[in-house]
Full PDB file with SEQRES, HELIX, SHEET, SSBOND, CRYST1, ORIGX, SCALE, CONECT and MASTER records, all heavy atoms in Angstrom:
SEQRES   1 A   39  VAL SER GLY THR PRO ALA PHE LEU GLU ARG ALA GLU ARG          
SEQRES   2 A   39  ILE ARG ASP ILE LEU ARG GLU TYR ASP ARG GLU GLU LEU          
SEQRES   3 A   39  LYS ARG LEU TYR GLN ALA ASN ASP LYS ILE THR ASP LEU          
HELIX    1 AA1 LEU A    8  ARG A   19  1                                  12    
HELIX    2 AA2 ARG A   23  TYR A   30  1                                   8    
HELIX    3 AA3 ASP A   34  ASP A   38  1                                   5    
CRYST1    1.000    1.000    1.000  90.00  90.00  90.00 P 1           1          
ORIGX1      1.000000  0.000000  0.000000        0.00000                         
ORIGX2      0.000000  1.000000  0.000000        0.00000                         
ORIGX3      0.000000  0.000000  1.000000        0.00000                         
SCALE1      1.000000  0.000000  0.000000        0.00000                         
SCALE2      0.000000  1.000000  0.000000        0.00000                         
SCALE3      0.000000  0.000000  1.000000        0.00000                         
ATOM      1  N   VAL A   1      69.675 137.941  26.370  1.00  0.00           N  
ATOM      2  CA  VAL A   1      69.407 137.496  27.743  1.00  0.00           C  
ATOM      3  C   VAL A   1      68.441 138.490  28.378  1.00  0.00           C  
ATOM      4  O   VAL A   1      68.418 139.676  28.032  1.00  0.00           O  
ATOM      5  CB  VAL A   1      70.704 137.395  28.566  1.00  0.00           C  
ATOM      6  CG1 VAL A   1      71.678 136.434  27.922  1.00  0.00           C  
ATOM      7  CG2 VAL A   1      71.346 138.757  28.754  1.00  0.00           C  
ATOM      8  N   SER A   2      67.652 137.990  29.314  1.00  0.00           N  
ATOM      9  CA  SER A   2      66.691 138.878  29.996  1.00  0.00           C  
ATOM     10  C   SER A   2      66.716 138.679  31.496  1.00  0.00           C  
ATOM     11  O   SER A   2      65.782 139.051  32.196  1.00  0.00           O  
ATOM     12  CB  SER A   2      65.276 138.632  29.460  1.00  0.00           C  
ATOM     13  OG  SER A   2      64.866 137.295  29.677  1.00  0.00           O  
ATOM     14  N   GLY A   3      67.801 138.083  31.983  1.00  0.00           N  
ATOM     15  CA  GLY A   3      67.905 137.875  33.416  1.00  0.00           C  
ATOM     16  C   GLY A   3      69.349 137.749  33.851  1.00  0.00           C  
ATOM     17  O   GLY A   3      70.239 137.458  33.043  1.00  0.00           O  
ATOM     18  N   THR A   4      69.583 137.945  35.138  1.00  0.00           N  
ATOM     19  CA  THR A   4      70.901 137.801  35.739  1.00  0.00           C  
ATOM     20  C   THR A   4      70.853 136.646  36.737  1.00  0.00           C  
ATOM     21  O   THR A   4      69.908 136.572  37.527  1.00  0.00           O  
ATOM     22  CB  THR A   4      71.303 139.092  36.477  1.00  0.00           C  
ATOM     23  OG1 THR A   4      71.345 140.172  35.542  1.00  0.00           O  
ATOM     24  CG2 THR A   4      72.664 138.935  37.128  1.00  0.00           C  
ATOM     25  N   PRO A   5      71.813 135.737  36.705  1.00  0.00           N  
ATOM     26  CA  PRO A   5      71.810 134.646  37.684  1.00  0.00           C  
ATOM     27  C   PRO A   5      71.651 135.151  39.106  1.00  0.00           C  
ATOM     28  O   PRO A   5      72.288 136.132  39.508  1.00  0.00           O  
ATOM     29  CB  PRO A   5      73.174 133.983  37.467  1.00  0.00           C  
ATOM     30  CG  PRO A   5      73.490 134.254  36.025  1.00  0.00           C  
ATOM     31  CD  PRO A   5      72.958 135.642  35.770  1.00  0.00           C  
ATOM     32  N   ALA A   6      70.807 134.478  39.869  1.00  0.00           N  
ATOM     33  CA  ALA A   6      70.493 134.926  41.228  1.00  0.00           C  
ATOM     34  C   ALA A   6      71.718 134.945  42.130  1.00  0.00           C  
ATOM     35  O   ALA A   6      71.811 135.770  43.048  1.00  0.00           O  
ATOM     36  CB  ALA A   6      69.413 134.025  41.829  1.00  0.00           C  
ATOM     37  N   PHE A   7      72.667 134.033  41.877  1.00  0.00           N  
ATOM     38  CA  PHE A   7      73.841 133.908  42.736  1.00  0.00           C  
ATOM     39  C   PHE A   7      75.118 134.284  41.974  1.00  0.00           C  
ATOM     40  O   PHE A   7      76.153 133.618  42.122  1.00  0.00           O  
ATOM     41  CB  PHE A   7      73.949 132.485  43.268  1.00  0.00           C  
ATOM     42  CG  PHE A   7      72.740 132.040  44.055  1.00  0.00           C  
ATOM     43  CD1 PHE A   7      71.902 131.050  43.557  1.00  0.00           C  
ATOM     44  CD2 PHE A   7      72.443 132.597  45.280  1.00  0.00           C  
ATOM     45  CE1 PHE A   7      70.794 130.621  44.272  1.00  0.00           C  
ATOM     46  CE2 PHE A   7      71.335 132.187  46.014  1.00  0.00           C  
ATOM     47  CZ  PHE A   7      70.508 131.196  45.506  1.00  0.00           C  
ATOM     48  N   LEU A   8      75.041 135.340  41.204  1.00  0.00           N  
ATOM     49  CA  LEU A   8      76.165 135.716  40.343  1.00  0.00           C  
ATOM     50  C   LEU A   8      77.447 135.959  41.139  1.00  0.00           C  
ATOM     51  O   LEU A   8      78.532 135.487  40.754  1.00  0.00           O  
ATOM     52  CB  LEU A   8      75.805 136.966  39.539  1.00  0.00           C  
ATOM     53  CG  LEU A   8      76.862 137.439  38.530  1.00  0.00           C  
ATOM     54  CD1 LEU A   8      77.183 136.356  37.512  1.00  0.00           C  
ATOM     55  CD2 LEU A   8      76.394 138.719  37.833  1.00  0.00           C  
ATOM     56  N   GLU A   9      77.373 136.656  42.238  1.00  0.00           N  
ATOM     57  CA  GLU A   9      78.581 136.942  43.020  1.00  0.00           C  
ATOM     58  C   GLU A   9      79.174 135.668  43.619  1.00  0.00           C  
ATOM     59  O   GLU A   9      80.404 135.532  43.712  1.00  0.00           O  
ATOM     60  CB  GLU A   9      78.265 137.963  44.117  1.00  0.00           C  
ATOM     61  CG  GLU A   9      77.944 139.350  43.560  1.00  0.00           C  
ATOM     62  CD  GLU A   9      77.695 140.374  44.649  1.00  0.00           C  
ATOM     63  OE1 GLU A   9      77.722 139.999  45.850  1.00  0.00           O  
ATOM     64  OE2 GLU A   9      77.474 141.554  44.306  1.00  0.00           O  
ATOM     65  N   ARG A  10      78.320 134.722  43.995  1.00  0.00           N  
ATOM     66  CA  ARG A  10      78.825 133.455  44.519  1.00  0.00           C  
ATOM     67  C   ARG A  10      79.484 132.647  43.401  1.00  0.00           C  
ATOM     68  O   ARG A  10      80.476 131.935  43.646  1.00  0.00           O  
ATOM     69  CB  ARG A  10      77.695 132.665  45.174  1.00  0.00           C  
ATOM     70  CG  ARG A  10      77.160 133.331  46.428  1.00  0.00           C  
ATOM     71  CD  ARG A  10      76.109 132.490  47.143  1.00  0.00           C  
ATOM     72  NE  ARG A  10      76.681 131.273  47.699  1.00  0.00           N  
ATOM     73  CZ  ARG A  10      76.031 130.472  48.540  1.00  0.00           C  
ATOM     74  NH1 ARG A  10      74.795 130.787  48.930  1.00  0.00           N  
ATOM     75  NH2 ARG A  10      76.602 129.374  49.004  1.00  0.00           N  
ATOM     76  N   ALA A  11      78.960 132.746  42.189  1.00  0.00           N  
ATOM     77  CA  ALA A  11      79.591 132.086  41.053  1.00  0.00           C  
ATOM     78  C   ALA A  11      80.952 132.711  40.752  1.00  0.00           C  
ATOM     79  O   ALA A  11      81.917 132.009  40.409  1.00  0.00           O  
ATOM     80  CB  ALA A  11      78.690 132.171  39.823  1.00  0.00           C  
ATOM     81  N   GLU A  12      81.053 134.018  40.871  1.00  0.00           N  
ATOM     82  CA  GLU A  12      82.332 134.688  40.654  1.00  0.00           C  
ATOM     83  C   GLU A  12      83.357 134.239  41.694  1.00  0.00           C  
ATOM     84  O   GLU A  12      84.556 134.136  41.382  1.00  0.00           O  
ATOM     85  CB  GLU A  12      82.136 136.211  40.691  1.00  0.00           C  
ATOM     86  CG  GLU A  12      81.389 136.726  39.467  1.00  0.00           C  
ATOM     87  CD  GLU A  12      81.126 138.217  39.518  1.00  0.00           C  
ATOM     88  OE1 GLU A  12      80.889 138.744  40.629  1.00  0.00           O  
ATOM     89  OE2 GLU A  12      81.133 138.861  38.457  1.00  0.00           O  
ATOM     90  N   ARG A  13      82.913 133.965  42.893  1.00  0.00           N  
ATOM     91  CA  ARG A  13      83.833 133.457  43.914  1.00  0.00           C  
ATOM     92  C   ARG A  13      84.367 132.082  43.517  1.00  0.00           C  
ATOM     93  O   ARG A  13      85.564 131.803  43.663  1.00  0.00           O  
ATOM     94  CB  ARG A  13      83.108 133.381  45.268  1.00  0.00           C  
ATOM     95  CG  ARG A  13      83.958 132.801  46.391  1.00  0.00           C  
ATOM     96  CD  ARG A  13      85.192 133.623  46.640  1.00  0.00           C  
ATOM     97  NE  ARG A  13      86.040 133.014  47.660  1.00  0.00           N  
ATOM     98  CZ  ARG A  13      87.371 133.041  47.623  1.00  0.00           C  
ATOM     99  NH1 ARG A  13      88.011 133.650  46.619  1.00  0.00           N  
ATOM    100  NH2 ARG A  13      88.071 132.462  48.573  1.00  0.00           N  
ATOM    101  N   ILE A  14      83.481 131.221  42.999  1.00  0.00           N  
ATOM    102  CA  ILE A  14      83.928 129.909  42.524  1.00  0.00           C  
ATOM    103  C   ILE A  14      84.920 130.073  41.383  1.00  0.00           C  
ATOM    104  O   ILE A  14      85.955 129.399  41.350  1.00  0.00           O  
ATOM    105  CB  ILE A  14      82.718 129.067  42.071  1.00  0.00           C  
ATOM    106  CG1 ILE A  14      81.859 128.680  43.273  1.00  0.00           C  
ATOM    107  CG2 ILE A  14      83.178 127.814  41.329  1.00  0.00           C  
ATOM    108  CD1 ILE A  14      80.583 127.946  42.918  1.00  0.00           C  
ATOM    109  N   ARG A  15      84.626 130.963  40.453  1.00  0.00           N  
ATOM    110  CA  ARG A  15      85.566 131.222  39.347  1.00  0.00           C  
ATOM    111  C   ARG A  15      86.933 131.626  39.873  1.00  0.00           C  
ATOM    112  O   ARG A  15      87.972 131.130  39.394  1.00  0.00           O  
ATOM    113  CB  ARG A  15      85.008 132.320  38.444  1.00  0.00           C  
ATOM    114  CG  ARG A  15      85.960 132.748  37.323  1.00  0.00           C  
ATOM    115  CD  ARG A  15      85.708 134.172  36.880  1.00  0.00           C  
ATOM    116  NE  ARG A  15      85.837 135.125  37.985  1.00  0.00           N  
ATOM    117  CZ  ARG A  15      85.429 136.396  37.914  1.00  0.00           C  
ATOM    118  NH1 ARG A  15      84.852 136.850  36.821  1.00  0.00           N  
ATOM    119  NH2 ARG A  15      85.600 137.203  38.958  1.00  0.00           N  
ATOM    120  N   ASP A  16      86.965 132.517  40.837  1.00  0.00           N  
ATOM    121  CA  ASP A  16      88.241 132.994  41.368  1.00  0.00           C  
ATOM    122  C   ASP A  16      89.040 131.850  41.998  1.00  0.00           C  
ATOM    123  O   ASP A  16      90.270 131.805  41.880  1.00  0.00           O  
ATOM    124  CB  ASP A  16      87.998 134.100  42.392  1.00  0.00           C  
ATOM    125  CG  ASP A  16      87.439 135.371  41.758  1.00  0.00           C  
ATOM    126  OD1 ASP A  16      87.510 135.497  40.516  1.00  0.00           O  
ATOM    127  OD2 ASP A  16      86.907 136.219  42.504  1.00  0.00           O  
ATOM    128  N   ILE A  17      88.352 130.948  42.674  1.00  0.00           N  
ATOM    129  CA  ILE A  17      89.030 129.800  43.275  1.00  0.00           C  
ATOM    130  C   ILE A  17      89.564 128.874  42.195  1.00  0.00           C  
ATOM    131  O   ILE A  17      90.710 128.399  42.264  1.00  0.00           O  
ATOM    132  CB  ILE A  17      88.070 129.060  44.223  1.00  0.00           C  
ATOM    133  CG1 ILE A  17      87.800 129.915  45.458  1.00  0.00           C  
ATOM    134  CG2 ILE A  17      88.642 127.702  44.628  1.00  0.00           C  
ATOM    135  CD1 ILE A  17      86.731 129.371  46.365  1.00  0.00           C  
ATOM    136  N   LEU A  18      88.769 128.610  41.163  1.00  0.00           N  
ATOM    137  CA  LEU A  18      89.210 127.734  40.075  1.00  0.00           C  
ATOM    138  C   LEU A  18      90.406 128.322  39.337  1.00  0.00           C  
ATOM    139  O   LEU A  18      91.266 127.584  38.845  1.00  0.00           O  
ATOM    140  CB  LEU A  18      88.062 127.491  39.096  1.00  0.00           C  
ATOM    141  CG  LEU A  18      86.913 126.615  39.609  1.00  0.00           C  
ATOM    142  CD1 LEU A  18      85.778 126.593  38.589  1.00  0.00           C  
ATOM    143  CD2 LEU A  18      87.404 125.193  39.874  1.00  0.00           C  
ATOM    144  N   ARG A  19      90.490 129.626  39.252  1.00  0.00           N  
ATOM    145  CA  ARG A  19      91.617 130.275  38.585  1.00  0.00           C  
ATOM    146  C   ARG A  19      92.942 129.978  39.285  1.00  0.00           C  
ATOM    147  O   ARG A  19      94.009 130.058  38.667  1.00  0.00           O  
ATOM    148  CB  ARG A  19      91.402 131.793  38.541  1.00  0.00           C  
ATOM    149  CG  ARG A  19      90.546 132.270  37.383  1.00  0.00           C  
ATOM    150  CD  ARG A  19      90.396 133.776  37.446  1.00  0.00           C  
ATOM    151  NE  ARG A  19      89.711 134.288  36.268  1.00  0.00           N  
ATOM    152  CZ  ARG A  19      89.257 135.534  36.149  1.00  0.00           C  
ATOM    153  NH1 ARG A  19      89.420 136.385  37.158  1.00  0.00           N  
ATOM    154  NH2 ARG A  19      88.649 135.923  35.047  1.00  0.00           N  
ATOM    155  N   GLU A  20      92.884 129.664  40.559  1.00  0.00           N  
ATOM    156  CA  GLU A  20      94.100 129.378  41.311  1.00  0.00           C  
ATOM    157  C   GLU A  20      94.622 127.971  41.048  1.00  0.00           C  
ATOM    158  O   GLU A  20      95.750 127.644  41.432  1.00  0.00           O  
ATOM    159  CB  GLU A  20      93.819 129.561  42.805  1.00  0.00           C  
ATOM    160  CG  GLU A  20      93.429 130.990  43.175  1.00  0.00           C  
ATOM    161  CD  GLU A  20      93.011 131.107  44.632  1.00  0.00           C  
ATOM    162  OE1 GLU A  20      93.035 130.081  45.345  1.00  0.00           O  
ATOM    163  OE2 GLU A  20      92.645 132.227  45.052  1.00  0.00           O  
ATOM    164  N   TYR A  21      93.827 127.130  40.413  1.00  0.00           N  
ATOM    165  CA  TYR A  21      94.223 125.764  40.127  1.00  0.00           C  
ATOM    166  C   TYR A  21      95.106 125.718  38.882  1.00  0.00           C  
ATOM    167  O   TYR A  21      94.831 126.408  37.889  1.00  0.00           O  
ATOM    168  CB  TYR A  21      92.986 124.892  39.883  1.00  0.00           C  
ATOM    169  CG  TYR A  21      92.281 124.420  41.137  1.00  0.00           C  
ATOM    170  CD1 TYR A  21      91.997 125.301  42.186  1.00  0.00           C  
ATOM    171  CD2 TYR A  21      91.879 123.101  41.270  1.00  0.00           C  
ATOM    172  CE1 TYR A  21      91.347 124.870  43.330  1.00  0.00           C  
ATOM    173  CE2 TYR A  21      91.214 122.658  42.411  1.00  0.00           C  
ATOM    174  CZ  TYR A  21      90.958 123.548  43.435  1.00  0.00           C  
ATOM    175  OH  TYR A  21      90.313 123.120  44.560  1.00  0.00           O  
ATOM    176  N   ASP A  22      96.149 124.909  38.916  1.00  0.00           N  
ATOM    177  CA  ASP A  22      96.914 124.685  37.690  1.00  0.00           C  
ATOM    178  C   ASP A  22      96.222 123.593  36.878  1.00  0.00           C  
ATOM    179  O   ASP A  22      95.210 123.025  37.286  1.00  0.00           O  
ATOM    180  CB  ASP A  22      98.371 124.342  37.999  1.00  0.00           C  
ATOM    181  CG  ASP A  22      98.534 123.054  38.809  1.00  0.00           C  
ATOM    182  OD1 ASP A  22      97.682 122.149  38.706  1.00  0.00           O  
ATOM    183  OD2 ASP A  22      99.527 122.943  39.549  1.00  0.00           O  
ATOM    184  N   ARG A  23      96.786 123.285  35.718  1.00  0.00           N  
ATOM    185  CA  ARG A  23      96.129 122.333  34.809  1.00  0.00           C  
ATOM    186  C   ARG A  23      95.961 120.949  35.439  1.00  0.00           C  
ATOM    187  O   ARG A  23      94.923 120.306  35.275  1.00  0.00           O  
ATOM    188  CB  ARG A  23      96.911 122.233  33.499  1.00  0.00           C  
ATOM    189  CG  ARG A  23      96.709 123.426  32.557  1.00  0.00           C  
ATOM    190  CD  ARG A  23      97.545 123.245  31.304  1.00  0.00           C  
ATOM    191  NE  ARG A  23      97.256 124.233  30.279  1.00  0.00           N  
ATOM    192  CZ  ARG A  23      97.786 125.454  30.236  1.00  0.00           C  
ATOM    193  NH1 ARG A  23      98.627 125.832  31.206  1.00  0.00           N  
ATOM    194  NH2 ARG A  23      97.488 126.280  29.254  1.00  0.00           N  
ATOM    195  N   GLU A  24      96.956 120.480  36.139  1.00  0.00           N  
ATOM    196  CA  GLU A  24      96.876 119.148  36.736  1.00  0.00           C  
ATOM    197  C   GLU A  24      95.822 119.097  37.843  1.00  0.00           C  
ATOM    198  O   GLU A  24      95.103 118.103  37.985  1.00  0.00           O  
ATOM    199  CB  GLU A  24      98.240 118.716  37.279  1.00  0.00           C  
ATOM    200  CG  GLU A  24      99.225 118.312  36.195  1.00  0.00           C  
ATOM    201  CD  GLU A  24      98.667 117.197  35.315  1.00  0.00           C  
ATOM    202  OE1 GLU A  24      98.157 116.202  35.862  1.00  0.00           O  
ATOM    203  OE2 GLU A  24      98.726 117.326  34.077  1.00  0.00           O  
ATOM    204  N   GLU A  25      95.740 120.158  38.623  1.00  0.00           N  
ATOM    205  CA  GLU A  25      94.717 120.204  39.673  1.00  0.00           C  
ATOM    206  C   GLU A  25      93.316 120.240  39.070  1.00  0.00           C  
ATOM    207  O   GLU A  25      92.391 119.572  39.559  1.00  0.00           O  
ATOM    208  CB  GLU A  25      94.945 121.423  40.562  1.00  0.00           C  
ATOM    209  CG  GLU A  25      96.187 121.310  41.442  1.00  0.00           C  
ATOM    210  CD  GLU A  25      96.504 122.607  42.152  1.00  0.00           C  
ATOM    211  OE1 GLU A  25      96.321 123.691  41.548  1.00  0.00           O  
ATOM    212  OE2 GLU A  25      96.935 122.543  43.323  1.00  0.00           O  
ATOM    213  N   LEU A  26      93.162 121.010  37.991  1.00  0.00           N  
ATOM    214  CA  LEU A  26      91.866 121.053  37.306  1.00  0.00           C  
ATOM    215  C   LEU A  26      91.520 119.697  36.703  1.00  0.00           C  
ATOM    216  O   LEU A  26      90.362 119.269  36.750  1.00  0.00           O  
ATOM    217  CB  LEU A  26      91.870 122.113  36.209  1.00  0.00           C  
ATOM    218  CG  LEU A  26      91.656 123.565  36.620  1.00  0.00           C  
ATOM    219  CD1 LEU A  26      91.723 124.461  35.398  1.00  0.00           C  
ATOM    220  CD2 LEU A  26      90.327 123.743  37.346  1.00  0.00           C  
ATOM    221  N   LYS A  27      92.505 119.048  36.140  1.00  0.00           N  
ATOM    222  CA  LYS A  27      92.263 117.738  35.533  1.00  0.00           C  
ATOM    223  C   LYS A  27      91.734 116.746  36.555  1.00  0.00           C  
ATOM    224  O   LYS A  27      90.797 115.984  36.276  1.00  0.00           O  
ATOM    225  CB  LYS A  27      93.554 117.213  34.893  1.00  0.00           C  
ATOM    226  CG  LYS A  27      93.381 115.904  34.145  1.00  0.00           C  
ATOM    227  CD  LYS A  27      94.680 115.476  33.481  1.00  0.00           C  
ATOM    228  CE  LYS A  27      94.494 114.165  32.715  1.00  0.00           C  
ATOM    229  NZ  LYS A  27      95.748 113.759  32.038  1.00  0.00           N  
ATOM    230  N   ARG A  28      92.305 116.770  37.757  1.00  0.00           N  
ATOM    231  CA  ARG A  28      91.828 115.875  38.812  1.00  0.00           C  
ATOM    232  C   ARG A  28      90.420 116.269  39.271  1.00  0.00           C  
ATOM    233  O   ARG A  28      89.578 115.405  39.535  1.00  0.00           O  
ATOM    234  CB  ARG A  28      92.798 115.888  39.997  1.00  0.00           C  
ATOM    235  CG  ARG A  28      94.120 115.185  39.710  1.00  0.00           C  
ATOM    236  CD  ARG A  28      94.900 114.965  40.990  1.00  0.00           C  
ATOM    237  NE  ARG A  28      95.338 116.220  41.597  1.00  0.00           N  
ATOM    238  CZ  ARG A  28      96.474 116.831  41.322  1.00  0.00           C  
ATOM    239  NH1 ARG A  28      97.317 116.305  40.428  1.00  0.00           N  
ATOM    240  NH2 ARG A  28      96.808 117.967  41.925  1.00  0.00           N  
ATOM    241  N   LEU A  29      90.172 117.567  39.361  1.00  0.00           N  
ATOM    242  CA  LEU A  29      88.855 118.032  39.779  1.00  0.00           C  
ATOM    243  C   LEU A  29      87.793 117.656  38.752  1.00  0.00           C  
ATOM    244  O   LEU A  29      86.710 117.167  39.105  1.00  0.00           O  
ATOM    245  CB  LEU A  29      88.874 119.551  39.972  1.00  0.00           C  
ATOM    246  CG  LEU A  29      87.546 120.188  40.379  1.00  0.00           C  
ATOM    247  CD1 LEU A  29      87.196 119.806  41.818  1.00  0.00           C  
ATOM    248  CD2 LEU A  29      87.604 121.705  40.216  1.00  0.00           C  
ATOM    249  N   TYR A  30      88.108 117.892  37.481  1.00  0.00           N  
ATOM    250  CA  TYR A  30      87.158 117.610  36.406  1.00  0.00           C  
ATOM    251  C   TYR A  30      87.052 116.122  36.085  1.00  0.00           C  
ATOM    252  O   TYR A  30      86.061 115.681  35.509  1.00  0.00           O  
ATOM    253  CB  TYR A  30      87.580 118.327  35.118  1.00  0.00           C  
ATOM    254  CG  TYR A  30      87.496 119.830  35.154  1.00  0.00           C  
ATOM    255  CD1 TYR A  30      88.366 120.604  34.381  1.00  0.00           C  
ATOM    256  CD2 TYR A  30      86.555 120.498  35.934  1.00  0.00           C  
ATOM    257  CE1 TYR A  30      88.288 121.987  34.381  1.00  0.00           C  
ATOM    258  CE2 TYR A  30      86.485 121.878  35.948  1.00  0.00           C  
ATOM    259  CZ  TYR A  30      87.349 122.618  35.163  1.00  0.00           C  
ATOM    260  OH  TYR A  30      87.277 123.978  35.157  1.00  0.00           O  
ATOM    261  N   GLN A  31      88.109 115.367  36.422  1.00  0.00           N  
ATOM    262  CA  GLN A  31      88.212 113.972  35.992  1.00  0.00           C  
ATOM    263  C   GLN A  31      88.023 113.888  34.481  1.00  0.00           C  
ATOM    264  O   GLN A  31      87.231 113.095  33.967  1.00  0.00           O  
ATOM    265  CB  GLN A  31      87.182 113.100  36.726  1.00  0.00           C  
ATOM    266  CG  GLN A  31      87.395 113.064  38.229  1.00  0.00           C  
ATOM    267  CD  GLN A  31      86.436 112.153  38.964  1.00  0.00           C  
ATOM    268  OE1 GLN A  31      85.586 111.501  38.364  1.00  0.00           O  
ATOM    269  NE2 GLN A  31      86.569 112.093  40.273  1.00  0.00           N  
ATOM    270  N   ALA A  32      88.780 114.742  33.795  1.00  0.00           N  
ATOM    271  CA  ALA A  32      88.650 114.890  32.341  1.00  0.00           C  
ATOM    272  C   ALA A  32      90.003 114.678  31.673  1.00  0.00           C  
ATOM    273  O   ALA A  32      91.051 114.607  32.329  1.00  0.00           O  
ATOM    274  CB  ALA A  32      88.116 116.278  32.006  1.00  0.00           C  
ATOM    275  N   ASN A  33      89.985 114.598  30.343  1.00  0.00           N  
ATOM    276  CA  ASN A  33      91.226 114.418  29.602  1.00  0.00           C  
ATOM    277  C   ASN A  33      91.956 115.757  29.433  1.00  0.00           C  
ATOM    278  O   ASN A  33      91.457 116.823  29.829  1.00  0.00           O  
ATOM    279  CB  ASN A  33      90.963 113.755  28.249  1.00  0.00           C  
ATOM    280  CG  ASN A  33      90.029 114.569  27.358  1.00  0.00           C  
ATOM    281  OD1 ASN A  33      90.024 115.796  27.397  1.00  0.00           O  
ATOM    282  ND2 ASN A  33      89.231 113.877  26.546  1.00  0.00           N  
ATOM    283  N   ASP A  34      93.142 115.702  28.819  1.00  0.00           N  
ATOM    284  CA  ASP A  34      93.965 116.907  28.679  1.00  0.00           C  
ATOM    285  C   ASP A  34      93.290 117.968  27.819  1.00  0.00           C  
ATOM    286  O   ASP A  34      93.373 119.165  28.117  1.00  0.00           O  
ATOM    287  CB  ASP A  34      95.325 116.543  28.075  1.00  0.00           C  
ATOM    288  CG  ASP A  34      96.202 115.752  29.035  1.00  0.00           C  
ATOM    289  OD1 ASP A  34      95.987 115.867  30.265  1.00  0.00           O  
ATOM    290  OD2 ASP A  34      97.082 115.013  28.558  1.00  0.00           O  
ATOM    291  N   LYS A  35      92.619 117.550  26.761  1.00  0.00           N  
ATOM    292  CA  LYS A  35      91.985 118.507  25.844  1.00  0.00           C  
ATOM    293  C   LYS A  35      90.896 119.302  26.553  1.00  0.00           C  
ATOM    294  O   LYS A  35      90.827 120.535  26.441  1.00  0.00           O  
ATOM    295  CB  LYS A  35      91.407 117.766  24.640  1.00  0.00           C  
ATOM    296  CG  LYS A  35      90.759 118.678  23.607  1.00  0.00           C  
ATOM    297  CD  LYS A  35      90.251 117.879  22.420  1.00  0.00           C  
ATOM    298  CE  LYS A  35      89.606 118.793  21.382  1.00  0.00           C  
ATOM    299  NZ  LYS A  35      89.080 118.009  20.222  1.00  0.00           N  
ATOM    300  N   ILE A  36      90.023 118.619  27.276  1.00  0.00           N  
ATOM    301  CA  ILE A  36      88.938 119.290  27.990  1.00  0.00           C  
ATOM    302  C   ILE A  36      89.501 120.174  29.097  1.00  0.00           C  
ATOM    303  O   ILE A  36      89.059 121.312  29.305  1.00  0.00           O  
ATOM    304  CB  ILE A  36      87.961 118.255  28.565  1.00  0.00           C  
ATOM    305  CG1 ILE A  36      87.186 117.579  27.427  1.00  0.00           C  
ATOM    306  CG2 ILE A  36      86.996 118.901  29.552  1.00  0.00           C  
ATOM    307  CD1 ILE A  36      86.326 116.421  27.873  1.00  0.00           C  
ATOM    308  N   THR A  37      90.502 119.666  29.804  1.00  0.00           N  
ATOM    309  CA  THR A  37      91.115 120.438  30.881  1.00  0.00           C  
ATOM    310  C   THR A  37      91.744 121.715  30.356  1.00  0.00           C  
ATOM    311  O   THR A  37      91.558 122.795  30.928  1.00  0.00           O  
ATOM    312  CB  THR A  37      92.172 119.596  31.604  1.00  0.00           C  
ATOM    313  OG1 THR A  37      91.551 118.431  32.156  1.00  0.00           O  
ATOM    314  CG2 THR A  37      92.835 120.391  32.721  1.00  0.00           C  
ATOM    315  N   ASP A  38      92.490 121.613  29.259  1.00  0.00           N  
ATOM    316  CA  ASP A  38      93.161 122.786  28.694  1.00  0.00           C  
ATOM    317  C   ASP A  38      92.155 123.828  28.223  1.00  0.00           C  
ATOM    318  O   ASP A  38      92.336 125.034  28.451  1.00  0.00           O  
ATOM    319  CB  ASP A  38      94.060 122.360  27.536  1.00  0.00           C  
ATOM    320  CG  ASP A  38      94.976 123.491  27.081  1.00  0.00           C  
ATOM    321  OD1 ASP A  38      95.768 123.982  27.907  1.00  0.00           O  
ATOM    322  OD2 ASP A  38      94.864 123.904  25.902  1.00  0.00           O  
ATOM    323  N   LEU A  39      91.068 123.365  27.564  1.00  0.00           N  
ATOM    324  CA  LEU A  39      90.023 124.287  27.108  1.00  0.00           C  
ATOM    325  C   LEU A  39      89.458 125.077  28.275  1.00  0.00           C  
ATOM    326  O   LEU A  39      89.316 126.311  28.200  1.00  0.00           O  
ATOM    327  CB  LEU A  39      88.906 123.509  26.415  1.00  0.00           C  
ATOM    328  CG  LEU A  39      87.613 124.298  26.115  1.00  0.00           C  
ATOM    329  CD1 LEU A  39      87.879 125.430  25.143  1.00  0.00           C  
ATOM    330  CD2 LEU A  39      86.523 123.364  25.589  1.00  0.00           C  
TER     331      LEU A  39                                                      
MASTER        0    0    0    3    0    0    0    6  330    1    0    3          
END                                                                             
């Protein structure tokens, strides 16, 4: 890699929020199946 995302800290904030979601909440957000959600 030769660059850093311009909004890296804002992306980390999104990650932190997503970490608070359980599997069912993520599944609804992603509108995905169990396999994709679990991954």
